[in-house]
């Protein structure tokens, strides 16, 4: 399992692929953000992988402000497993973020005290 910890931050290496052409892919280090719900990538990664906006969604940011951002669809691959998901396309040069949707879909458990990521055995069906 590939994860990287830097001074209290935990990064998760995911492969992001275009949902229509999975050969367009890139390995991306995502900052794990348990306070965020969605995954975020900067506009330049979305453009490189031809992930186009499918719509936009208003999101409440950490500072309490509400801004509308585009989102697109992609594949995420981790540990030999691939899921389809949506990703917020943020402004250029933002740090990629992995929110709780990605963590739950891959059954990942974050231990901030030990700076580790482990994988749960099964997802709750209820």
C-alpha atoms as a PDB file:
ATOM      1  CA  UNK A   1       0.000   0.000   0.000  1.00  0.00           C
ATOM      2  CA  UNK A   2       1.528   3.285  -1.079  1.00  0.00           C
ATOM      3  CA  UNK A   3       1.150   6.233   1.220  1.00  0.00           C
ATOM      4  CA  UNK A   4       3.552   9.010   2.069  1.00  0.00           C
ATOM      5  CA  UNK A   5       3.662  11.072   5.284  1.00  0.00           C
ATOM      6  CA  UNK A   6       5.241  14.516   5.532  1.00  0.00           C
ATOM      7  CA  UNK A   7       5.305  16.336   8.882  1.00  0.00           C
ATOM      8  CA  UNK A   8       1.805  15.304   9.919  1.00  0.00           C
ATOM      9  CA  UNK A   9       0.316  15.235   6.430  1.00  0.00           C
ATOM     10  CA  UNK A  10      -0.607  11.970   4.765  1.00  0.00           C
ATOM     11  CA  UNK A  11      -0.487  11.580   0.997  1.00  0.00           C
ATOM     12  CA  UNK A  12      -2.144   8.845  -0.995  1.00  0.00           C
ATOM     13  CA  UNK A  13      -0.804   7.791  -4.411  1.00  0.00           C
ATOM     14  CA  UNK A  14      -3.709   7.186  -6.791  1.00  0.00           C
ATOM     15  CA  UNK A  15      -3.773   6.650 -10.519  1.00  0.00           C
ATOM     16  CA  UNK A  16      -6.334   8.945 -12.142  1.00  0.00           C
ATOM     17  CA  UNK A  17      -7.641   7.914 -15.569  1.00  0.00           C
ATOM     18  CA  UNK A  18      -9.976   9.378 -18.132  1.00  0.00           C
ATOM     19  CA  UNK A  19     -13.260   7.472 -17.896  1.00  0.00           C
ATOM     20  CA  UNK A  20     -13.687   7.384 -21.701  1.00  0.00           C
ATOM     21  CA  UNK A  21     -10.040   6.573 -22.471  1.00  0.00           C
ATOM     22  CA  UNK A  22      -8.349   4.821 -19.506  1.00  0.00           C
ATOM     23  CA  UNK A  23      -5.011   4.961 -21.362  1.00  0.00           C
ATOM     24  CA  UNK A  24      -4.958   8.672 -20.455  1.00  0.00           C
ATOM     25  CA  UNK A  25      -3.740   8.293 -16.886  1.00  0.00           C
ATOM     26  CA  UNK A  26      -1.401   9.807 -14.346  1.00  0.00           C
ATOM     27  CA  UNK A  27      -0.207   8.830 -10.895  1.00  0.00           C
ATOM     28  CA  UNK A  28      -1.074  11.661  -8.509  1.00  0.00           C
ATOM     29  CA  UNK A  29      -0.110  12.231  -4.863  1.00  0.00           C
ATOM     30  CA  UNK A  30      -3.311  13.349  -3.088  1.00  0.00           C
ATOM     31  CA  UNK A  31      -3.230  15.039   0.302  1.00  0.00           C
ATOM     32  CA  UNK A  32      -5.621  13.075   2.527  1.00  0.00           C
ATOM     33  CA  UNK A  33      -8.206  15.528   3.868  1.00  0.00           C
ATOM     34  CA  UNK A  34     -10.720  13.899   6.192  1.00  0.00           C
ATOM     35  CA  UNK A  35     -12.539  17.241   6.431  1.00  0.00           C
ATOM     36  CA  UNK A  36     -13.279  17.245   2.695  1.00  0.00           C
ATOM     37  CA  UNK A  37     -15.911  15.095   1.046  1.00  0.00           C
ATOM     38  CA  UNK A  38     -14.744  15.170  -2.570  1.00  0.00           C
ATOM     39  CA  UNK A  39     -11.534  14.536  -4.478  1.00  0.00           C
ATOM     40  CA  UNK A  40      -9.950  17.616  -6.074  1.00  0.00           C
ATOM     41  CA  UNK A  41      -7.459  17.938  -8.902  1.00  0.00           C
ATOM     42  CA  UNK A  42      -6.018  21.107 -10.410  1.00  0.00           C
ATOM     43  CA  UNK A  43      -7.213  22.226 -13.813  1.00  0.00           C
ATOM     44  CA  UNK A  44      -3.889  21.348 -15.457  1.00  0.00           C
ATOM     45  CA  UNK A  45      -4.209  17.652 -14.512  1.00  0.00           C
ATOM     46  CA  UNK A  46      -7.823  17.597 -15.753  1.00  0.00           C
ATOM     47  CA  UNK A  47      -6.678  19.100 -19.054  1.00  0.00           C
ATOM     48  CA  UNK A  48      -3.746  16.681 -19.406  1.00  0.00           C
ATOM     49  CA  UNK A  49      -6.098  13.711 -18.884  1.00  0.00           C
ATOM     50  CA  UNK A  50      -8.925  15.260 -20.959  1.00  0.00           C
ATOM     51  CA  UNK A  51     -11.308  15.142 -17.993  1.00  0.00           C
ATOM     52  CA  UNK A  52     -13.960  17.618 -19.018  1.00  0.00           C
ATOM     53  CA  UNK A  53     -16.491  19.302 -16.781  1.00  0.00           C
ATOM     54  CA  UNK A  54     -19.817  17.483 -16.665  1.00  0.00           C
ATOM     55  CA  UNK A  55     -21.442  20.117 -14.482  1.00  0.00           C
ATOM     56  CA  UNK A  56     -20.769  22.372 -11.541  1.00  0.00           C
ATOM     57  CA  UNK A  57     -21.593  22.203  -7.863  1.00  0.00           C
ATOM     58  CA  UNK A  58     -21.628  24.785  -5.056  1.00  0.00           C
ATOM     59  CA  UNK A  59     -19.246  23.785  -2.256  1.00  0.00           C
ATOM     60  CA  UNK A  60     -18.667  25.237   1.188  1.00  0.00           C
ATOM     61  CA  UNK A  61     -14.945  25.790   1.647  1.00  0.00           C
ATOM     62  CA  UNK A  62     -12.940  25.562   4.882  1.00  0.00           C
ATOM     63  CA  UNK A  63     -13.254  29.328   5.430  1.00  0.00           C
ATOM     64  CA  UNK A  64     -17.074  29.091   5.268  1.00  0.00           C
ATOM     65  CA  UNK A  65     -17.396  30.704   1.844  1.00  0.00           C
ATOM     66  CA  UNK A  66     -19.455  29.019  -0.858  1.00  0.00           C
ATOM     67  CA  UNK A  67     -18.070  28.794  -4.382  1.00  0.00           C
ATOM     68  CA  UNK A  68     -19.177  26.887  -7.437  1.00  0.00           C
ATOM     69  CA  UNK A  69     -16.665  24.515  -9.045  1.00  0.00           C
ATOM     70  CA  UNK A  70     -16.816  22.255 -12.093  1.00  0.00           C
ATOM     71  CA  UNK A  71     -16.652  18.496 -11.664  1.00  0.00           C
ATOM     72  CA  UNK A  72     -15.891  15.648 -14.040  1.00  0.00           C
ATOM     73  CA  UNK A  73     -15.845  11.862 -14.007  1.00  0.00           C
ATOM     74  CA  UNK A  74     -12.774   9.635 -13.891  1.00  0.00           C
ATOM     75  CA  UNK A  75     -11.385   6.336 -12.688  1.00  0.00           C
ATOM     76  CA  UNK A  76      -9.275   6.129  -9.532  1.00  0.00           C
ATOM     77  CA  UNK A  77      -6.968   3.124  -9.053  1.00  0.00           C
ATOM     78  CA  UNK A  78      -5.376   2.104  -5.762  1.00  0.00           C
ATOM     79  CA  UNK A  79      -3.933  -1.204  -4.599  1.00  0.00           C
ATOM     80  CA  UNK A  80      -5.097  -3.077  -7.686  1.00  0.00           C
ATOM     81  CA  UNK A  81      -8.688  -1.844  -7.381  1.00  0.00           C
ATOM     82  CA  UNK A  82     -10.370   0.675  -9.675  1.00  0.00           C
ATOM     83  CA  UNK A  83     -13.447   2.754  -8.896  1.00  0.00           C
ATOM     84  CA  UNK A  84     -15.373   5.270 -10.960  1.00  0.00           C
ATOM     85  CA  UNK A  85     -15.886   8.592  -9.264  1.00  0.00           C
ATOM     86  CA  UNK A  86     -16.274  12.278  -9.684  1.00  0.00           C
ATOM     87  CA  UNK A  87     -13.578  14.828  -9.118  1.00  0.00           C
ATOM     88  CA  UNK A  88     -13.749  18.552  -8.496  1.00  0.00           C
ATOM     89  CA  UNK A  89     -11.712  20.466 -11.048  1.00  0.00           C
ATOM     90  CA  UNK A  90     -10.078  23.197  -9.013  1.00  0.00           C
ATOM     91  CA  UNK A  91      -8.019  26.202 -10.023  1.00  0.00           C
ATOM     92  CA  UNK A  92      -4.527  25.726 -11.416  1.00  0.00           C
ATOM     93  CA  UNK A  93      -1.793  24.831  -8.952  1.00  0.00           C
ATOM     94  CA  UNK A  94      -4.080  23.626  -6.130  1.00  0.00           C
ATOM     95  CA  UNK A  95      -2.886  20.587  -4.252  1.00  0.00           C
ATOM     96  CA  UNK A  96      -4.805  17.423  -5.168  1.00  0.00           C
ATOM     97  CA  UNK A  97      -7.049  16.373  -2.262  1.00  0.00           C
ATOM     98  CA  UNK A  98      -8.565  12.995  -1.401  1.00  0.00           C
ATOM     99  CA  UNK A  99     -11.755  13.467   0.604  1.00  0.00           C
ATOM    100  CA  UNK A 100     -13.950  10.998   2.421  1.00  0.00           C
ATOM    101  CA  UNK A 101     -15.751   9.674  -0.687  1.00  0.00           C
ATOM    102  CA  UNK A 102     -12.494   8.246  -2.065  1.00  0.00           C
ATOM    103  CA  UNK A 103     -11.373   6.980   1.334  1.00  0.00           C
ATOM    104  CA  UNK A 104     -14.694   5.190   1.868  1.00  0.00           C
ATOM    105  CA  UNK A 105     -14.849   3.751  -1.648  1.00  0.00           C
ATOM    106  CA  UNK A 106     -11.412   2.178  -1.194  1.00  0.00           C
ATOM    107  CA  UNK A 107     -12.235   1.154   2.432  1.00  0.00           C
ATOM    108  CA  UNK A 108      -9.260   3.135   3.748  1.00  0.00           C
ATOM    109  CA  UNK A 109      -8.781   3.844   7.428  1.00  0.00           C
ATOM    110  CA  UNK A 110      -6.638   6.850   8.306  1.00  0.00           C
ATOM    111  CA  UNK A 111      -4.673   6.853  11.568  1.00  0.00           C
ATOM    112  CA  UNK A 112      -3.506  10.433  12.031  1.00  0.00           C
ATOM    113  CA  UNK A 113      -1.593   9.576  15.230  1.00  0.00           C
ATOM    114  CA  UNK A 114       0.560   6.957  13.499  1.00  0.00           C
ATOM    115  CA  UNK A 115       0.431   8.636  10.067  1.00  0.00           C
ATOM    116  CA  UNK A 116      -0.721   5.420   8.422  1.00  0.00           C
ATOM    117  CA  UNK A 117      -3.357   4.233   6.014  1.00  0.00           C
ATOM    118  CA  UNK A 118      -4.808   0.751   6.272  1.00  0.00           C
ATOM    119  CA  UNK A 119      -7.533  -0.989   4.350  1.00  0.00           C
ATOM    120  CA  UNK A 120     -10.736  -2.284   5.899  1.00  0.00           C
ATOM    121  CA  UNK A 121     -11.899  -5.758   4.972  1.00  0.00           C
ATOM    122  CA  UNK A 122     -15.354  -4.829   3.727  1.00  0.00           C
ATOM    123  CA  UNK A 123     -17.574  -1.845   3.103  1.00  0.00           C
ATOM    124  CA  UNK A 124     -20.763  -1.559   5.149  1.00  0.00           C
ATOM    125  CA  UNK A 125     -23.758  -2.425   2.999  1.00  0.00           C
ATOM    126  CA  UNK A 126     -26.268  -0.581   5.152  1.00  0.00           C
END
